[in-house]
Structures are given as C-alpha cells and as structure tokens.
Amino acid sequence: MTLEIHDSSNQKIFQKYFANQPFTSGGSKSYFAIWVPSLAGTYTYQVGVMDSTWSTAYLWDTPSTIGISTASTGDTRQRDSYGWVSCSSRFVPLSDAQAAALVVSAAENRPNNATANHYRPSSVDLSAFLNNEKDLYGTLPVQDNPYFQYVTGGFSGTTDEIIQWGAAKWGIPADWLRAEYVLESYWNMSQLGDLTSVANPLLYPAQSRATGNQVYQSLGITQVKWNHPDLNDAGIGTEPLRWKSTAFNVDYQAARVRFYFDDPQGKRSAWRDSTYSACNNWLSIGGWYDPYPWNNSGQQSYVQSVQTILANRTWAQPGFLNDLE
C-alpha cells in the first residue's frame, strides 16, 4: 500500500510505503503517516493498494484536496512507522506552548466537560501533586516516573483540543489517544470506574462515593486511579487534579504511556519484569490498563479493544455527539 501527496503542480512531494501487509477477507487495518508541509498551498493525497509484486493495482482512490493556509512550524521530531515520536530513554516532551501551537480548532462534543476543560492547575496545585504524597515504597511521583516533572495540565480548550494537545506534547498520535479515551470514558470527565470497598469512603472525593463502604477509585476522561488512603500504589498525588482538570488528566496519562514506551532512566526495567521490553507502541497503550507482567492477557485484550475503536473511528461517528456511555 502507498500514500502519495502531490503539490499544486502535481509533483509528488511525499510518499509512504507499507509493504507486505497481510489481509483477511473483510478485514480492516489502520495506518499512519506524518507529513509536515514546508509551504502554504493546495495539495492532493491519494492511496493505492497493490499486490506483493507492486505490478497489479487493486485500488487508486480519487485524489483528495487539502489546503495549508500557512507554512507549518510543526513538530519535526523523528517518528517511527506508527507516527509516535521515536522511542528514546532521552525523550523530552514539547513545552505546553509548543504543543498548543499544533492544536487544530475542534468543536466541543462534551459540553459537560466545560468546567474541567478550563481548569488550569496553579503552581500550588502542581507542587502538591509532586510533593505531598508518597506511595507505599516511600516514593514521590517523579521518583516513580521522571516524566511526571513535565505534567502541568497547562492548556484549556474543547475536549478534542485537549486530547490533541496531550498527544502533541507526548509524541503520540492523537487518534490513538482519542480511541483509548473512548474506551475509558467515552470522553466524559464525569466517568466513574473501579468500584472498590475501602475502609473509609470519606477519604475519597464526594463524587467517588457509592453506597456503604464502596468508592469509585478511577475518575475522569482517562480514568486516573487514586487509592492513596488504602493500597497507596496508584495515582499518587493526582487527587484532586485528576477530576478538576481535563488537561491534567490527559497529561498525566500520556506521561505514563510514554514511561512504558521509553523506559526513562531504566525505571520500568527496574521492576525486574523479565518479559518487559521498551519501544512497543501498543503494549505501552495497554500498560495503562495493566502493566505487570508485561504482555499479560488483560493488557492484550485492552489493546484489541482500542484497536477496534481506532479502526472504526468511533469518536468521528455521528452517534458519538453528546453520547454518554
């Protein structure tokens, strides 16, 4: 399969190949390509599908036109074949402003997220996140994951714009996060998850409390889990920003996914999990659900669900508008 982009003179200026791709009858797959235009203008793109020898064309779709109003100053970091900024233990995210500059205007389809979408954590909020709680091993958030030092939630906008911002900042294709957040919450910041019996429900935020001694430990668009009063091994420091700020919720989650992908400072390898290996895009997404041991059945099932949503582009379907899970 090939993707071609042509300029206004019909000169081919970009091409991406995907060779030796197996398909089953009626099956579908998603592919990603990153192209950064250097000049404003009108461009066309076209997809072709050939046999393994490239001699028989099964499809050459009708060229589609895109207009670039200004030359892009976009993200030029090297990317892998999936469109992720390349795996590296030396990865550094974009600044909040750099990521914001890459966001494309998008309408709001989750108006109930408005308050959280416009909450930007203060310096006091962020200091509390980084310094006020330790996990059961006596570890502060940045000692657990060095990427948490960059988590700020420093953006506001519509729900989709916030997802774009988090994706740009952390070098993950926006559609992958869009798909994952459909699975987690259908993009609703009010989503509750992981109903658990605890010793003292009053130690959890009011919206988490169910009946008796049960609480929902996971909150928000990405379902950030916090259990500091009990097991003290998840979401340390994230309460209350995980439900007050959509951008913080997304920023935190994407930083965790990149942690599994890059293995910064060997922190993930230090878990002494012999099955773990860095630079696996899909298992890094699945790690948000269950990271240990690596490639476990729950992780695999989660990945398959996200892949199905990604292939169907559920968030772009008419039924997704204002739809509550």
Foldseek 3Di string as FASTA:
>chain_A
DKKFKAFPVRHTDDMDDDADDDDDVPDDADFDDDDFFQAWHKMWMWDWDAPNVNPGTPDIDDIDMDGGHGHDPADPADDDRRQFRFAALPDAFDALVRLLVPFDDDDALAVVCQQQLPDWDDPVLLCLLFPVWDFPVRHTPCSLFVRSVRQGLHDHDHLLRLLSSLCRRLRHPSLLVCLQLCVVWLSDQLDFADWDADDDCVVDDPSQDDPDRIGGQFGGSNGFGDDCVGNRPGSRSCPPSCSRHNNSVSNVLSSQLSCLAHCHVVSVVVVVQVVGDHNDNLQSSLVSVPPPPGPDPSSVVSSVSSRVCSRVVVCPDPCSRNDGD
